[in-house]
Amino acid sequence: NVKISKALLAKALTDSVEQTYNMISVDGDTSTNDMVIMLANGTADNPILDQEDENFTLFKSALDYVNKELAKLIAKDGEGATKLIEATVLHAQSLQDARLCAKAVISSSLVKSAFFGSDANWGRILCAMGYSKGVFDPAKVSIAFANTKGFVDLVKNGIAVAFSEEKAKEILLEDYINIIIDLKDGENNATAWGCDLSYDYVKINGSYRN
C-alpha cells in the first residue's frame, strides 16, 4: 500500500533481490518462470517516498526482512530437503567476493550431500569457495558450524583444528545449520541459503513425469 515513486520502488526491489532471492539455491537450477514482482497501490497515508531519506530507509529495511524470510522458506522447502543451510561469509575484500563464496558453498552438490549425511567435511566447503571466483587468501580462512546445539571450529587461519566429531554431528543433525566463514580480509559480509541433497530429491526428480 506504500506511496512510492516507480523509480525508487524499482531500486529498492532490485537491491533487495540481490541480497535475498539471488542468494538462494536448491539444486543449482533456475526455472525460466522464476521472477519477483512487487506492486504498490499507493493507498497508504504516508508522504510519497521519492528520495532516499529516513522514511525510505525504514521501508527498505522492512522489505529486506520480508524478502529474506521468504527466500529462506524457498530454500527450506526444496524438493526432498531435510535441512536449511545458511552460509555466512565475513570480512571479504568486496561484497562481490563475499556473495560469490557464500553462493558457491550452498550450491555445491558435495556440500549439500555432506550435510544430508551430517558429515563435517569442511574440505568440500573450501573446494566450493576455491572455484567460486571470489577472491580470498586460504591461509586466513576460518570455518565453523553453529546453531542452537552449539558452535564448533573446524578451520582456523587456513589450518584444520582438532574438533569433537560428536559435537559436530550433534549440530549437523539439526534441521538448520549456519556455516560461518571468516575470510579476515576486509569489511564486506554476505549470506546465502540452501538445503541438503537427499535421496528423496533424486526420487522426486527421477520420476517427475511418471
Protein backbone atom coordinates (compact mmCIF):
# COMPACT_ATOMS: atom_id res chain seq x y z
CA ASN A 1 0.00 0.00 0.00
CA VAL A 2 3.00 2.31 0.26
CA LYS A 3 3.14 5.54 -1.71
CA ILE A 4 6.47 5.45 -3.52
CA SER A 5 7.85 6.61 -6.85
CA LYS A 6 8.24 4.00 -9.57
CA ALA A 7 11.99 4.59 -9.81
CA LEU A 8 12.58 4.24 -6.07
CA LEU A 9 10.38 1.14 -5.85
CA ALA A 10 12.37 -0.50 -8.64
CA LYS A 11 15.66 0.43 -6.96
CA ALA A 12 14.53 -0.91 -3.60
CA LEU A 13 13.36 -4.22 -5.08
CA THR A 14 16.45 -4.72 -7.24
CA ASP A 15 18.77 -4.19 -4.29
CA SER A 16 16.68 -6.40 -2.02
CA VAL A 17 16.53 -9.24 -4.55
CA GLU A 18 20.32 -9.22 -4.92
CA GLN A 19 20.79 -9.99 -1.23
CA THR A 20 17.85 -12.37 -0.78
CA TYR A 21 16.35 -14.36 -3.68
CA ASN A 22 19.57 -14.23 -5.70
CA MET A 23 21.39 -15.72 -2.72
CA ILE A 24 19.46 -18.99 -2.53
CA SER A 25 19.87 -22.32 -4.29
CA VAL A 26 18.05 -25.62 -4.03
CA ASP A 27 19.86 -27.58 -6.74
CA GLY A 28 21.68 -25.01 -8.85
CA ASP A 29 18.96 -24.89 -11.49
CA THR A 30 16.81 -21.82 -12.15
CA SER A 31 13.36 -22.12 -13.70
CA THR A 32 12.54 -19.96 -16.71
CA ASN A 33 9.47 -18.94 -14.71
CA ASP A 34 11.34 -17.65 -11.66
CA MET A 35 10.60 -14.00 -11.05
CA VAL A 36 9.91 -11.42 -8.36
CA ILE A 37 7.13 -8.87 -8.79
CA MET A 38 6.20 -6.10 -6.35
CA LEU A 39 3.13 -3.89 -6.71
CA ALA A 40 2.34 -0.76 -4.70
CA ASN A 41 -1.17 0.69 -4.97
CA GLY A 42 -0.36 3.88 -3.03
CA THR A 43 -3.39 3.69 -0.73
CA ALA A 44 -1.32 4.21 2.44
CA ASP A 45 -1.34 7.60 4.18
CA ASN A 46 2.43 8.05 4.12
CA PRO A 47 4.01 11.02 2.33
CA ILE A 48 5.20 9.75 -1.04
CA LEU A 49 8.65 8.21 -0.95
CA ASP A 50 10.61 9.79 -3.77
CA GLN A 51 14.06 10.18 -2.25
CA GLU A 52 16.40 8.05 -0.15
CA ASP A 53 15.59 9.58 3.22
CA GLU A 54 14.84 8.15 6.67
CA ASN A 55 11.35 7.01 5.67
CA PHE A 56 12.72 5.18 2.65
CA THR A 57 15.31 3.51 4.87
CA LEU A 58 12.54 2.22 7.15
CA PHE A 59 10.58 0.91 4.17
CA LYS A 60 13.66 -0.73 2.67
CA SER A 61 14.51 -2.39 5.97
CA ALA A 62 11.02 -3.90 6.18
CA LEU A 63 11.18 -5.01 2.55
CA ASP A 64 14.54 -6.69 3.08
CA TYR A 65 13.23 -8.51 6.16
CA VAL A 66 10.19 -9.89 4.33
CA ASN A 67 12.21 -10.95 1.28
CA LYS A 68 14.87 -12.58 3.43
CA GLU A 69 12.31 -14.67 5.30
CA LEU A 70 10.56 -15.69 2.07
CA ALA A 71 13.88 -16.58 0.44
CA LYS A 72 14.80 -18.79 3.39
CA LEU A 73 11.44 -20.54 3.14
CA ILE A 74 12.05 -21.28 -0.55
CA ALA A 75 15.41 -22.87 0.28
CA LYS A 76 13.98 -24.78 3.23
CA ASP A 77 11.11 -26.09 1.09
CA GLY A 78 13.39 -27.53 -1.60
CA GLU A 79 12.43 -30.89 -3.08
CA GLY A 80 13.34 -33.61 -0.60
CA ALA A 81 15.11 -31.15 1.69
CA THR A 82 15.58 -32.04 5.35
CA LYS A 83 17.83 -29.15 6.40
CA LEU A 84 18.21 -25.41 5.83
CA ILE A 85 21.85 -24.47 5.28
CA GLU A 86 23.00 -20.89 5.83
CA ALA A 87 26.45 -19.78 4.69
CA THR A 88 27.66 -16.57 6.29
CA VAL A 89 30.83 -15.12 4.76
CA LEU A 90 32.53 -12.43 6.85
CA HIS A 91 35.28 -9.88 6.22
CA ALA A 92 35.71 -10.26 2.46
CA GLN A 93 37.63 -7.77 0.31
CA SER A 94 34.45 -6.90 -1.59
CA LEU A 95 30.73 -7.59 -1.40
CA GLN A 96 31.01 -9.49 -4.68
CA ASP A 97 33.69 -11.78 -3.22
CA ALA A 98 31.55 -12.46 -0.15
CA ARG A 99 28.49 -13.25 -2.26
CA LEU A 100 30.38 -15.47 -4.69
CA CYS A 101 31.87 -17.57 -1.89
CA ALA A 102 28.62 -17.89 0.06
CA LYS A 103 26.56 -18.80 -3.02
CA ALA A 104 29.11 -21.39 -4.20
CA VAL A 105 29.07 -23.15 -0.84
CA ILE A 106 25.30 -23.55 -0.60
CA SER A 107 25.09 -24.51 -4.30
CA SER A 108 27.68 -27.30 -4.10
CA SER A 109 26.22 -30.79 -4.53
CA LEU A 110 29.07 -32.23 -2.47
CA VAL A 111 28.43 -29.79 0.39
CA LYS A 112 24.71 -30.49 0.23
CA SER A 113 25.31 -34.26 0.28
CA ALA A 114 27.67 -33.98 3.24
CA PHE A 115 25.09 -32.04 5.22
CA PHE A 116 22.41 -34.62 4.42
CA GLY A 117 24.73 -37.25 5.89
CA SER A 118 25.65 -34.98 8.84
CA ASP A 119 29.30 -35.23 7.80
CA ALA A 120 31.57 -32.36 8.90
CA ASN A 121 33.51 -32.42 5.62
CA TRP A 122 34.88 -28.88 5.64
CA GLY A 123 37.17 -29.63 2.68
CA ARG A 124 34.15 -29.52 0.40
CA ILE A 125 33.36 -26.02 1.66
CA LEU A 126 36.85 -24.76 0.84
CA CYS A 127 36.68 -26.52 -2.52
CA ALA A 128 33.46 -24.68 -3.43
CA MET A 129 34.97 -21.38 -2.35
CA GLY A 130 38.02 -22.12 -4.48
CA TYR A 131 36.08 -22.38 -7.74
CA SER A 132 33.67 -19.56 -6.85
CA LYS A 133 35.85 -16.83 -8.45
CA GLY A 134 35.62 -14.99 -5.13
CA VAL A 135 38.96 -13.54 -4.02
CA PHE A 136 40.32 -14.76 -0.67
CA ASP A 137 43.53 -15.96 0.96
CA PRO A 138 43.19 -19.64 2.02
CA ALA A 139 45.80 -19.07 4.74
CA LYS A 140 43.46 -16.62 6.50
CA VAL A 141 40.19 -18.57 6.28
CA SER A 142 38.36 -19.84 9.35
CA ILE A 143 35.30 -22.12 9.18
CA ALA A 144 32.83 -23.05 11.90
CA PHE A 145 29.37 -24.61 12.26
CA ALA A 146 26.73 -23.20 14.59
CA ASN A 147 23.08 -23.48 15.60
CA THR A 148 21.07 -23.91 18.78
CA LYS A 149 23.11 -27.03 19.60
CA GLY A 150 26.31 -25.05 19.87
CA PHE A 151 29.39 -23.94 17.95
CA VAL A 152 32.35 -25.87 16.59
CA ASP A 153 35.52 -24.58 14.90
CA LEU A 154 36.84 -26.70 12.05
CA VAL A 155 39.44 -24.47 10.40
CA LYS A 156 41.38 -21.51 11.81
CA ASN A 157 43.63 -19.35 9.66
CA GLY A 158 43.68 -21.96 6.91
CA ILE A 159 44.69 -24.82 9.20
CA ALA A 160 42.48 -27.72 10.28
CA VAL A 161 41.90 -27.80 14.02
CA ALA A 162 41.10 -30.73 16.25
CA PHE A 163 37.37 -30.74 16.91
CA SER A 164 34.81 -33.01 18.51
CA GLU A 165 33.22 -35.16 15.82
CA GLU A 166 30.42 -35.87 18.28
CA LYS A 167 29.70 -32.16 18.76
CA ALA A 168 29.85 -31.52 15.03
CA LYS A 169 27.45 -34.42 14.45
CA GLU A 170 25.06 -33.05 17.07
CA ILE A 171 25.00 -29.70 15.26
CA LEU A 172 24.66 -31.25 11.80
CA LEU A 173 21.76 -33.49 12.81
CA GLU A 174 19.59 -30.39 13.31
CA ASP A 175 17.34 -29.02 10.55
CA TYR A 176 19.22 -25.69 10.47
CA ILE A 177 22.97 -25.18 10.29
CA ASN A 178 24.95 -21.97 9.86
CA ILE A 179 28.33 -22.27 8.15
CA ILE A 180 30.39 -19.32 9.38
CA ILE A 181 33.27 -18.48 7.04
CA ASP A 182 35.63 -15.69 8.09
CA LEU A 183 37.96 -14.52 5.31
CA LYS A 184 39.72 -11.95 7.54
CA ASP A 185 40.46 -9.78 4.54
CA GLY A 186 38.05 -6.83 4.54
CA GLU A 187 34.79 -5.36 5.79
CA ASN A 188 32.22 -6.99 3.49
CA ASN A 189 29.77 -9.69 4.54
CA ALA A 190 27.17 -11.80 2.72
CA THR A 191 24.78 -14.64 3.48
CA ALA A 192 23.35 -17.36 1.24
CA TRP A 193 20.77 -20.06 1.92
CA GLY A 194 20.38 -23.55 0.55
CA CYS A 195 19.31 -27.03 1.57
CA ASP A 196 20.74 -30.51 1.72
CA LEU A 197 20.58 -33.02 -1.15
CA SER A 198 18.66 -36.11 -0.10
CA TYR A 199 17.65 -39.46 -1.57
CA ASP A 200 14.14 -38.07 -1.92
CA TYR A 201 15.38 -35.30 -4.22
CA VAL A 202 16.61 -37.93 -6.69
CA LYS A 203 13.40 -39.96 -6.33
CA ILE A 204 11.18 -36.91 -6.90
CA ASN A 205 13.09 -35.68 -9.94
CA GLY A 206 13.82 -39.15 -11.30
CA SER A 207 10.10 -39.93 -11.52
CA TYR A 208 8.94 -36.41 -12.42
CA ARG A 209 6.82 -37.47 -15.40
CA ASN A 210 5.84 -40.95 -14.20
